[in-house]
Amino acid sequence: MRSRTTSDPESTRQFAIDIARTLADSKCSDVILLDVRGRSQVTDYVIIGSGTSQRQMRAAAQDIEDVGKARGQHPFRTNADQSSTWIVVDFVEIVAHLFEPDQRLYYDLELLHADGKRIEWRRPEGELPPGRGSSGGSSGGSSGGAASSGRASAGKAER
C-alpha cells in the first residue's frame, strides 16, 4: 500500500467520484473508476473513459483539471500523445486516462488493473450535475449490471 499520501482517504475517494462524474458530464463514455489502493505503487484510483474526438477529449481533460483546481488539487501533470488519442491527467492519488476507443482497446488498462475494485460513481437517480439546473440531466447513462459483473470490455458501455 502506498504510504506517501497524507490526504484524507474519504476525500480522495470523493474526488475520484467527482472526476468520473465530470467525465460522464463531458460526454465521455464507458467511464470506469477503479480503487487500486494496495495494488498499485503509483496511485490509489484509476479512472478510464473514452472520448469521441480530440476536441472533446481535450475539453474533458480541462474539465477535470478545473474540478481539481476548484478543490485546491492542481494536477501534477497532464500528458497527451501527439494526436491526442490518449490523454492522462495525473493528480498523484488519482490518475485519469482518456482514450479514443481504438486506443483504449489497444492498451487495455482495464486488464492491467483487473484486480482493482470497481467503484460506483453515478449520481443517485434525480440528482443533476452541478450547474445544469432543472433542464439538464445526468449523462452517466442508465444503471445496468455491467458495473457489478466484473471486468467489462472496453467496447461495452459501462453505464
N, C-alpha and C. Protein backbone atom coordinates (compact mmCIF):
# COMPACT_ATOMS: atom_id res chain seq x y z
N MET A 1 0.85 -1.19 0.00
CA MET A 1 0.00 0.00 0.00
C MET A 1 0.88 1.24 0.00
N ARG A 2 0.42 2.23 -0.73
CA ARG A 2 1.14 3.49 -0.77
C ARG A 2 1.02 4.17 0.58
N SER A 3 2.12 4.65 1.11
CA SER A 3 2.07 5.30 2.42
C SER A 3 2.50 6.76 2.33
N ARG A 4 2.79 7.24 1.13
CA ARG A 4 3.26 8.62 0.95
C ARG A 4 2.16 9.65 1.14
N THR A 5 0.94 9.26 0.88
CA THR A 5 -0.15 10.22 0.87
C THR A 5 -0.51 10.68 2.28
N THR A 6 -0.82 11.94 2.38
CA THR A 6 -1.31 12.49 3.65
C THR A 6 -2.75 12.95 3.49
N SER A 7 -3.34 12.69 2.33
CA SER A 7 -4.71 13.10 2.07
C SER A 7 -5.69 12.22 2.82
N ASP A 8 -6.83 12.80 3.15
CA ASP A 8 -7.92 12.06 3.77
C ASP A 8 -8.46 11.03 2.76
N PRO A 9 -8.48 9.74 3.11
CA PRO A 9 -8.92 8.71 2.15
C PRO A 9 -10.34 8.94 1.62
N GLU A 10 -11.25 9.38 2.46
CA GLU A 10 -12.62 9.61 2.00
C GLU A 10 -12.70 10.80 1.06
N SER A 11 -11.92 11.84 1.34
CA SER A 11 -11.87 13.00 0.46
C SER A 11 -11.30 12.62 -0.91
N THR A 12 -10.27 11.78 -0.90
CA THR A 12 -9.66 11.33 -2.16
C THR A 12 -10.66 10.49 -2.94
N ARG A 13 -11.37 9.62 -2.27
CA ARG A 13 -12.38 8.79 -2.94
C ARG A 13 -13.46 9.67 -3.56
N GLN A 14 -13.93 10.68 -2.81
CA GLN A 14 -14.98 11.56 -3.34
C GLN A 14 -14.46 12.36 -4.53
N PHE A 15 -13.22 12.78 -4.48
CA PHE A 15 -12.60 13.50 -5.59
C PHE A 15 -12.58 12.60 -6.82
N ALA A 16 -12.23 11.33 -6.66
CA ALA A 16 -12.21 10.38 -7.78
C ALA A 16 -13.62 10.22 -8.36
N ILE A 17 -14.62 10.14 -7.49
CA ILE A 17 -16.01 10.03 -7.95
C ILE A 17 -16.40 11.29 -8.72
N ASP A 18 -16.01 12.46 -8.21
CA ASP A 18 -16.32 13.72 -8.89
C ASP A 18 -15.66 13.77 -10.28
N ILE A 19 -14.45 13.26 -10.39
CA ILE A 19 -13.78 13.23 -11.69
C ILE A 19 -14.53 12.32 -12.66
N ALA A 20 -14.91 11.13 -12.20
CA ALA A 20 -15.65 10.20 -13.06
C ALA A 20 -16.96 10.82 -13.52
N ARG A 21 -17.66 11.47 -12.60
CA ARG A 21 -18.93 12.12 -12.97
C ARG A 21 -18.70 13.25 -13.96
N THR A 22 -17.62 14.00 -13.76
CA THR A 22 -17.31 15.10 -14.68
C THR A 22 -17.02 14.56 -16.07
N LEU A 23 -16.30 13.46 -16.17
CA LEU A 23 -16.05 12.86 -17.49
C LEU A 23 -17.36 12.45 -18.16
N ALA A 24 -18.26 11.85 -17.41
CA ALA A 24 -19.56 11.48 -17.98
C ALA A 24 -20.33 12.73 -18.41
N ASP A 25 -20.29 13.79 -17.58
CA ASP A 25 -20.95 15.05 -17.92
C ASP A 25 -20.35 15.67 -19.18
N SER A 26 -19.07 15.37 -19.42
CA SER A 26 -18.36 15.90 -20.59
C SER A 26 -18.49 14.99 -21.80
N LYS A 27 -19.46 14.10 -21.73
CA LYS A 27 -19.81 13.20 -22.84
C LYS A 27 -18.80 12.10 -23.11
N CYS A 28 -17.96 11.76 -22.13
CA CYS A 28 -17.11 10.58 -22.27
C CYS A 28 -17.99 9.36 -22.02
N SER A 29 -17.64 8.26 -22.66
CA SER A 29 -18.42 7.04 -22.49
C SER A 29 -17.58 5.97 -21.81
N ASP A 30 -18.24 4.93 -21.38
CA ASP A 30 -17.58 3.77 -20.77
C ASP A 30 -16.65 4.17 -19.63
N VAL A 31 -17.08 5.11 -18.81
CA VAL A 31 -16.25 5.59 -17.71
C VAL A 31 -16.25 4.55 -16.59
N ILE A 32 -15.04 4.18 -16.16
CA ILE A 32 -14.92 3.28 -15.02
C ILE A 32 -13.98 3.92 -14.00
N LEU A 33 -14.23 3.60 -12.74
CA LEU A 33 -13.41 4.08 -11.63
C LEU A 33 -12.95 2.85 -10.86
N LEU A 34 -11.64 2.71 -10.73
CA LEU A 34 -11.06 1.56 -10.06
C LEU A 34 -10.28 1.99 -8.82
N ASP A 35 -10.54 1.32 -7.72
CA ASP A 35 -9.79 1.51 -6.49
C ASP A 35 -8.62 0.54 -6.54
N VAL A 36 -7.40 1.07 -6.67
CA VAL A 36 -6.21 0.23 -6.77
C VAL A 36 -5.30 0.41 -5.55
N ARG A 37 -5.87 0.93 -4.46
CA ARG A 37 -5.08 1.06 -3.23
C ARG A 37 -4.58 -0.31 -2.80
N GLY A 38 -3.33 -0.37 -2.45
CA GLY A 38 -2.74 -1.63 -2.03
C GLY A 38 -2.35 -2.53 -3.19
N ARG A 39 -2.71 -2.14 -4.39
CA ARG A 39 -2.38 -2.93 -5.58
C ARG A 39 -1.44 -2.18 -6.51
N SER A 40 -1.38 -0.87 -6.35
CA SER A 40 -0.54 -0.03 -7.19
C SER A 40 0.41 0.75 -6.30
N GLN A 41 1.64 0.85 -6.73
CA GLN A 41 2.62 1.66 -6.01
C GLN A 41 2.59 3.11 -6.48
N VAL A 42 1.78 3.39 -7.47
CA VAL A 42 1.80 4.70 -8.12
C VAL A 42 0.62 5.57 -7.75
N THR A 43 -0.56 4.99 -7.58
CA THR A 43 -1.77 5.78 -7.38
C THR A 43 -2.77 4.98 -6.55
N ASP A 44 -3.82 5.65 -6.12
CA ASP A 44 -4.89 5.00 -5.35
C ASP A 44 -6.11 4.69 -6.21
N TYR A 45 -6.40 5.56 -7.18
CA TYR A 45 -7.57 5.39 -8.03
C TYR A 45 -7.18 5.61 -9.48
N VAL A 46 -7.75 4.79 -10.35
CA VAL A 46 -7.57 4.92 -11.79
C VAL A 46 -8.94 5.11 -12.40
N ILE A 47 -9.04 6.11 -13.26
CA ILE A 47 -10.29 6.39 -13.96
C ILE A 47 -9.98 6.26 -15.45
N ILE A 48 -10.84 5.55 -16.16
CA ILE A 48 -10.66 5.34 -17.60
C ILE A 48 -11.96 5.71 -18.29
N GLY A 49 -11.84 6.49 -19.35
CA GLY A 49 -13.01 6.88 -20.13
C GLY A 49 -12.67 6.98 -21.60
N SER A 50 -13.68 6.89 -22.44
CA SER A 50 -13.50 7.01 -23.89
C SER A 50 -14.09 8.31 -24.37
N GLY A 51 -13.37 8.95 -25.28
CA GLY A 51 -13.85 10.18 -25.89
C GLY A 51 -14.22 9.95 -27.34
N THR A 52 -14.81 10.97 -27.94
CA THR A 52 -15.29 10.84 -29.31
C THR A 52 -14.41 11.57 -30.32
N SER A 53 -13.63 12.53 -29.85
CA SER A 53 -12.78 13.30 -30.75
C SER A 53 -11.67 13.96 -29.94
N GLN A 54 -10.66 14.45 -30.63
CA GLN A 54 -9.57 15.14 -29.95
C GLN A 54 -10.10 16.35 -29.18
N ARG A 55 -10.96 17.11 -29.81
CA ARG A 55 -11.50 18.31 -29.17
C ARG A 55 -12.29 17.96 -27.91
N GLN A 56 -13.15 16.97 -28.01
CA GLN A 56 -13.96 16.57 -26.86
C GLN A 56 -13.09 16.05 -25.73
N MET A 57 -12.07 15.26 -26.07
CA MET A 57 -11.18 14.71 -25.04
C MET A 57 -10.37 15.81 -24.36
N ARG A 58 -9.88 16.77 -25.13
CA ARG A 58 -9.13 17.88 -24.52
C ARG A 58 -10.05 18.70 -23.61
N ALA A 59 -11.29 18.92 -24.03
CA ALA A 59 -12.25 19.66 -23.20
C ALA A 59 -12.56 18.90 -21.92
N ALA A 60 -12.73 17.57 -22.02
CA ALA A 60 -13.00 16.75 -20.83
C ALA A 60 -11.81 16.79 -19.87
N ALA A 61 -10.59 16.73 -20.42
CA ALA A 61 -9.39 16.81 -19.57
C ALA A 61 -9.34 18.16 -18.86
N GLN A 62 -9.67 19.22 -19.58
CA GLN A 62 -9.69 20.55 -18.96
C GLN A 62 -10.76 20.62 -17.87
N ASP A 63 -11.91 20.00 -18.12
CA ASP A 63 -12.98 19.99 -17.12
C ASP A 63 -12.53 19.33 -15.83
N ILE A 64 -11.82 18.19 -15.92
CA ILE A 64 -11.39 17.53 -14.68
C ILE A 64 -10.24 18.29 -14.02
N GLU A 65 -9.41 18.96 -14.82
CA GLU A 65 -8.40 19.82 -14.21
C GLU A 65 -9.07 20.94 -13.43
N ASP A 66 -10.14 21.50 -13.98
CA ASP A 66 -10.88 22.57 -13.30
C ASP A 66 -11.52 22.07 -12.01
N VAL A 67 -12.04 20.84 -12.01
CA VAL A 67 -12.60 20.26 -10.79
C VAL A 67 -11.51 20.17 -9.73
N GLY A 68 -10.33 19.72 -10.12
CA GLY A 68 -9.21 19.63 -9.18
C GLY A 68 -8.80 20.98 -8.65
N LYS A 69 -8.68 21.96 -9.54
CA LYS A 69 -8.27 23.30 -9.11
C LYS A 69 -9.28 23.90 -8.15
N ALA A 70 -10.57 23.64 -8.40
CA ALA A 70 -11.62 24.15 -7.51
C ALA A 70 -11.50 23.54 -6.11
N ARG A 71 -10.94 22.35 -6.03
CA ARG A 71 -10.74 21.68 -4.74
C ARG A 71 -9.37 21.98 -4.16
N GLY A 72 -8.58 22.80 -4.85
CA GLY A 72 -7.23 23.09 -4.39
C GLY A 72 -6.25 21.97 -4.71
N GLN A 73 -6.61 21.10 -5.65
CA GLN A 73 -5.77 19.97 -6.03
C GLN A 73 -5.41 20.09 -7.50
N HIS A 74 -4.37 20.82 -7.76
CA HIS A 74 -3.93 21.01 -9.13
C HIS A 74 -3.30 19.73 -9.64
N PRO A 75 -3.48 19.43 -10.93
CA PRO A 75 -2.86 18.21 -11.45
C PRO A 75 -1.34 18.28 -11.38
N PHE A 76 -0.73 17.16 -11.03
CA PHE A 76 0.72 17.05 -11.02
C PHE A 76 1.23 17.16 -12.45
N ARG A 77 0.54 16.52 -13.37
CA ARG A 77 0.96 16.52 -14.77
C ARG A 77 -0.23 16.14 -15.65
N THR A 78 -0.28 16.71 -16.84
CA THR A 78 -1.22 16.31 -17.87
C THR A 78 -0.41 16.05 -19.12
N ASN A 79 -0.60 14.88 -19.71
CA ASN A 79 0.12 14.49 -20.92
C ASN A 79 -0.86 14.00 -21.96
N ALA A 80 -0.51 14.22 -23.21
CA ALA A 80 -1.28 13.67 -24.33
C ALA A 80 -0.31 13.22 -25.39
N ASP A 81 -0.68 12.15 -26.08
CA ASP A 81 0.16 11.76 -27.21
C ASP A 81 -0.03 12.81 -28.30
N GLN A 82 0.79 12.76 -29.31
CA GLN A 82 0.82 13.82 -30.32
C GLN A 82 -0.53 14.03 -30.99
N SER A 83 -1.28 12.96 -31.21
CA SER A 83 -2.56 13.10 -31.88
C SER A 83 -3.74 13.14 -30.90
N SER A 84 -3.46 13.25 -29.61
CA SER A 84 -4.48 13.34 -28.57
C SER A 84 -5.45 12.16 -28.60
N THR A 85 -4.91 10.95 -28.83
CA THR A 85 -5.76 9.76 -28.76
C THR A 85 -5.71 9.15 -27.37
N TRP A 86 -4.79 9.62 -26.54
CA TRP A 86 -4.68 9.18 -25.14
C TRP A 86 -4.22 10.39 -24.33
N ILE A 87 -5.02 10.80 -23.39
CA ILE A 87 -4.70 11.93 -22.52
C ILE A 87 -4.69 11.42 -21.08
N VAL A 88 -3.65 11.77 -20.34
CA VAL A 88 -3.53 11.37 -18.94
C VAL A 88 -3.53 12.64 -18.08
N VAL A 89 -4.39 12.67 -17.08
CA VAL A 89 -4.39 13.75 -16.10
C VAL A 89 -4.05 13.10 -14.77
N ASP A 90 -2.89 13.49 -14.22
CA ASP A 90 -2.33 12.84 -13.04
C ASP A 90 -2.43 13.77 -11.83
N PHE A 91 -3.25 13.36 -10.86
CA PHE A 91 -3.37 14.09 -9.60
C PHE A 91 -2.62 13.37 -8.49
N VAL A 92 -1.75 12.45 -8.82
CA VAL A 92 -0.95 11.59 -7.95
C VAL A 92 -1.83 10.50 -7.34
N GLU A 93 -2.72 10.83 -6.40
CA GLU A 93 -3.57 9.81 -5.80
C GLU A 93 -4.61 9.29 -6.78
N ILE A 94 -4.89 10.09 -7.81
CA ILE A 94 -5.90 9.74 -8.82
C ILE A 94 -5.28 10.00 -10.19
N VAL A 95 -5.39 9.02 -11.08
CA VAL A 95 -4.90 9.19 -12.45
C VAL A 95 -6.06 8.90 -13.39
N ALA A 96 -6.38 9.86 -14.25
CA ALA A 96 -7.46 9.70 -15.22
C ALA A 96 -6.87 9.52 -16.61
N HIS A 97 -7.37 8.51 -17.31
CA HIS A 97 -6.95 8.21 -18.68
C HIS A 97 -8.14 8.40 -19.61
N LEU A 98 -7.96 9.22 -20.63
CA LEU A 98 -8.99 9.41 -21.65
C LEU A 98 -8.44 8.86 -22.96
N PHE A 99 -9.20 8.02 -23.60
CA PHE A 99 -8.76 7.37 -24.82
C PHE A 99 -9.78 7.54 -25.93
N GLU A 100 -9.29 7.53 -27.17
CA GLU A 100 -10.17 7.23 -28.28
C GLU A 100 -10.42 5.73 -28.19
N PRO A 101 -11.60 5.26 -28.56
CA PRO A 101 -11.96 3.85 -28.33
C PRO A 101 -10.93 2.83 -28.86
N ASP A 102 -10.38 3.04 -30.04
CA ASP A 102 -9.40 2.07 -30.57
C ASP A 102 -8.14 2.02 -29.72
N GLN A 103 -7.68 3.17 -29.26
CA GLN A 103 -6.50 3.20 -28.39
C GLN A 103 -6.80 2.53 -27.06
N ARG A 104 -7.99 2.72 -26.55
CA ARG A 104 -8.36 2.09 -25.28
C ARG A 104 -8.32 0.56 -25.41
N LEU A 105 -8.84 0.07 -26.50
CA LEU A 105 -8.79 -1.38 -26.73
C LEU A 105 -7.36 -1.87 -26.85
N TYR A 106 -6.52 -1.11 -27.54
CA TYR A 106 -5.14 -1.50 -27.76
C TYR A 106 -4.35 -1.58 -26.44
N TYR A 107 -4.46 -0.54 -25.61
CA TYR A 107 -3.68 -0.50 -24.37
C TYR A 107 -4.34 -1.30 -23.24
N ASP A 108 -5.64 -1.46 -23.26
CA ASP A 108 -6.39 -2.32 -22.34
C ASP A 108 -5.97 -2.14 -20.88
N LEU A 109 -6.06 -0.91 -20.39
CA LEU A 109 -5.71 -0.65 -19.00
C LEU A 109 -6.65 -1.35 -18.02
N GLU A 110 -7.86 -1.69 -18.48
CA GLU A 110 -8.76 -2.44 -17.61
C GLU A 110 -8.13 -3.78 -17.24
N LEU A 111 -7.45 -4.42 -18.18
CA LEU A 111 -6.79 -5.69 -17.89
C LEU A 111 -5.60 -5.47 -16.95
N LEU A 112 -4.85 -4.41 -17.18
CA LEU A 112 -3.71 -4.10 -16.32
C LEU A 112 -4.15 -3.92 -14.87
N HIS A 113 -5.31 -3.32 -14.68
CA HIS A 113 -5.83 -3.05 -13.34
C HIS A 113 -7.02 -3.95 -13.01
N ALA A 114 -7.03 -5.15 -13.56
CA ALA A 114 -8.17 -6.06 -13.39
C ALA A 114 -8.43 -6.40 -11.93
N ASP A 115 -7.40 -6.34 -11.09
CA ASP A 115 -7.60 -6.65 -9.67
C ASP A 115 -8.10 -5.46 -8.87
N GLY A 116 -8.26 -4.31 -9.52
CA GLY A 116 -8.80 -3.14 -8.83
C GLY A 116 -10.30 -3.29 -8.61
N LYS A 117 -10.78 -2.73 -7.53
CA LYS A 117 -12.20 -2.79 -7.19
C LYS A 117 -12.95 -1.68 -7.91
N ARG A 118 -14.00 -2.04 -8.63
CA ARG A 118 -14.82 -1.03 -9.31
C ARG A 118 -15.62 -0.25 -8.27
N ILE A 119 -15.62 1.05 -8.45
CA ILE A 119 -16.34 1.95 -7.54
C ILE A 119 -17.52 2.55 -8.30
N GLU A 120 -18.69 2.48 -7.71
CA GLU A 120 -19.87 3.09 -8.31
C GLU A 120 -19.76 4.61 -8.19
N TRP A 121 -19.88 5.30 -9.30
CA TRP A 121 -19.68 6.75 -9.31
C TRP A 121 -20.90 7.52 -9.79
N ARG A 122 -21.89 6.82 -10.31
CA ARG A 122 -23.04 7.52 -10.90
C ARG A 122 -23.84 8.24 -9.82
N ARG A 123 -24.43 9.35 -10.22
CA ARG A 123 -25.25 10.13 -9.30
C ARG A 123 -26.52 9.36 -8.96
N PRO A 124 -27.04 9.58 -7.76
CA PRO A 124 -28.33 8.98 -7.43
C PRO A 124 -29.41 9.47 -8.40
N GLU A 125 -30.39 8.65 -8.62
CA GLU A 125 -31.49 8.98 -9.53
C GLU A 125 -32.06 10.35 -9.18
N GLY A 126 -32.18 11.20 -10.16
CA GLY A 126 -32.76 12.52 -9.97
C GLY A 126 -31.78 13.61 -9.61
N GLU A 127 -30.56 13.25 -9.20
CA GLU A 127 -29.56 14.26 -8.88
C GLU A 127 -28.95 14.79 -10.18
N LEU A 128 -28.96 16.11 -10.32
CA LEU A 128 -28.46 16.73 -11.55
C LEU A 128 -27.00 17.14 -11.40
N PRO A 129 -26.29 17.17 -12.52
CA PRO A 129 -24.90 17.65 -12.47
C PRO A 129 -24.86 19.10 -12.02
N PRO A 130 -23.77 19.52 -11.38
CA PRO A 130 -23.65 20.92 -10.96
C PRO A 130 -23.78 21.86 -12.15
N GLY A 131 -24.52 22.93 -11.95
CA GLY A 131 -24.64 23.95 -12.99
C GLY A 131 -25.58 23.58 -14.11
N ARG A 132 -26.28 22.46 -14.00
CA ARG A 132 -27.17 22.05 -15.08
C ARG A 132 -28.62 22.45 -14.82
N GLY A 133 -28.91 22.90 -13.61
CA GLY A 133 -30.26 23.34 -13.29
C GLY A 133 -31.27 22.24 -13.49
N SER A 134 -32.53 22.62 -13.68
CA SER A 134 -33.59 21.62 -13.82
C SER A 134 -33.77 21.17 -15.25
N SER A 135 -33.11 21.80 -16.21
CA SER A 135 -33.28 21.43 -17.61
C SER A 135 -32.32 20.35 -18.05
N GLY A 136 -31.29 20.07 -17.25
CA GLY A 136 -30.29 19.08 -17.64
C GLY A 136 -30.64 17.73 -17.09
N GLY A 137 -29.69 16.84 -17.22
CA GLY A 137 -29.86 15.50 -16.69
C GLY A 137 -28.51 14.87 -16.61
N SER A 138 -28.45 13.81 -15.90
CA SER A 138 -27.18 13.10 -15.79
C SER A 138 -26.90 12.35 -17.05
N SER A 139 -25.71 12.50 -17.56
CA SER A 139 -25.33 11.75 -18.75
C SER A 139 -24.52 10.54 -18.37
N GLY A 140 -24.64 10.11 -17.13
CA GLY A 140 -23.92 8.93 -16.67
C GLY A 140 -24.50 7.65 -17.21
N GLY A 141 -25.62 7.73 -17.93
CA GLY A 141 -26.19 6.55 -18.54
C GLY A 141 -27.17 5.88 -17.61
N SER A 142 -27.74 4.80 -18.13
CA SER A 142 -28.70 4.05 -17.34
C SER A 142 -27.96 3.11 -16.42
N SER A 143 -28.64 2.72 -15.38
CA SER A 143 -28.00 1.77 -14.48
C SER A 143 -28.18 0.38 -15.06
N GLY A 144 -27.12 -0.37 -15.00
CA GLY A 144 -27.17 -1.72 -15.55
C GLY A 144 -26.29 -2.61 -14.75
N GLY A 145 -26.21 -3.86 -15.15
CA GLY A 145 -25.46 -4.83 -14.42
C GLY A 145 -23.99 -4.85 -14.76
N ALA A 146 -23.54 -4.10 -15.74
CA ALA A 146 -22.15 -4.18 -16.18
C ALA A 146 -21.18 -3.81 -15.08
N ALA A 147 -21.54 -2.85 -14.24
CA ALA A 147 -20.61 -2.40 -13.21
C ALA A 147 -20.37 -3.49 -12.16
N SER A 148 -21.33 -4.36 -11.96
CA SER A 148 -21.16 -5.37 -10.94
C SER A 148 -20.77 -6.73 -11.51
N SER A 149 -20.58 -6.82 -12.82
CA SER A 149 -20.32 -8.11 -13.43
C SER A 149 -18.85 -8.34 -13.72
N GLY A 150 -17.97 -7.76 -12.92
CA GLY A 150 -16.54 -7.96 -13.15
C GLY A 150 -16.03 -7.04 -14.22
N ARG A 151 -14.96 -7.44 -14.88
CA ARG A 151 -14.33 -6.60 -15.88
C ARG A 151 -15.16 -6.58 -17.15
N ALA A 152 -15.64 -5.41 -17.53
CA ALA A 152 -16.35 -5.24 -18.80
C ALA A 152 -15.33 -4.88 -19.85
N SER A 153 -15.54 -5.35 -21.04
CA SER A 153 -14.59 -5.00 -22.10
C SER A 153 -14.73 -3.53 -22.43
N ALA A 154 -13.67 -2.97 -22.98
CA ALA A 154 -13.66 -1.54 -23.29
C ALA A 154 -14.70 -1.21 -24.34
N GLY A 155 -15.09 -2.17 -25.15
CA GLY A 155 -16.07 -1.91 -26.20
C GLY A 155 -17.50 -1.90 -25.69
N LYS A 156 -17.73 -2.38 -24.48
CA LYS A 156 -19.07 -2.40 -23.91
C LYS A 156 -19.29 -1.16 -23.07
N ALA A 157 -20.51 -0.68 -23.12
CA ALA A 157 -20.84 0.51 -22.34
C ALA A 157 -20.90 0.16 -20.86
N GLU A 158 -20.25 0.94 -20.04
CA GLU A 158 -20.27 0.79 -18.59
C GLU A 158 -21.17 1.90 -18.08
N ARG A 159 -22.43 1.67 -18.14
CA ARG A 159 -23.38 2.71 -17.78
C ARG A 159 -24.21 2.29 -16.62
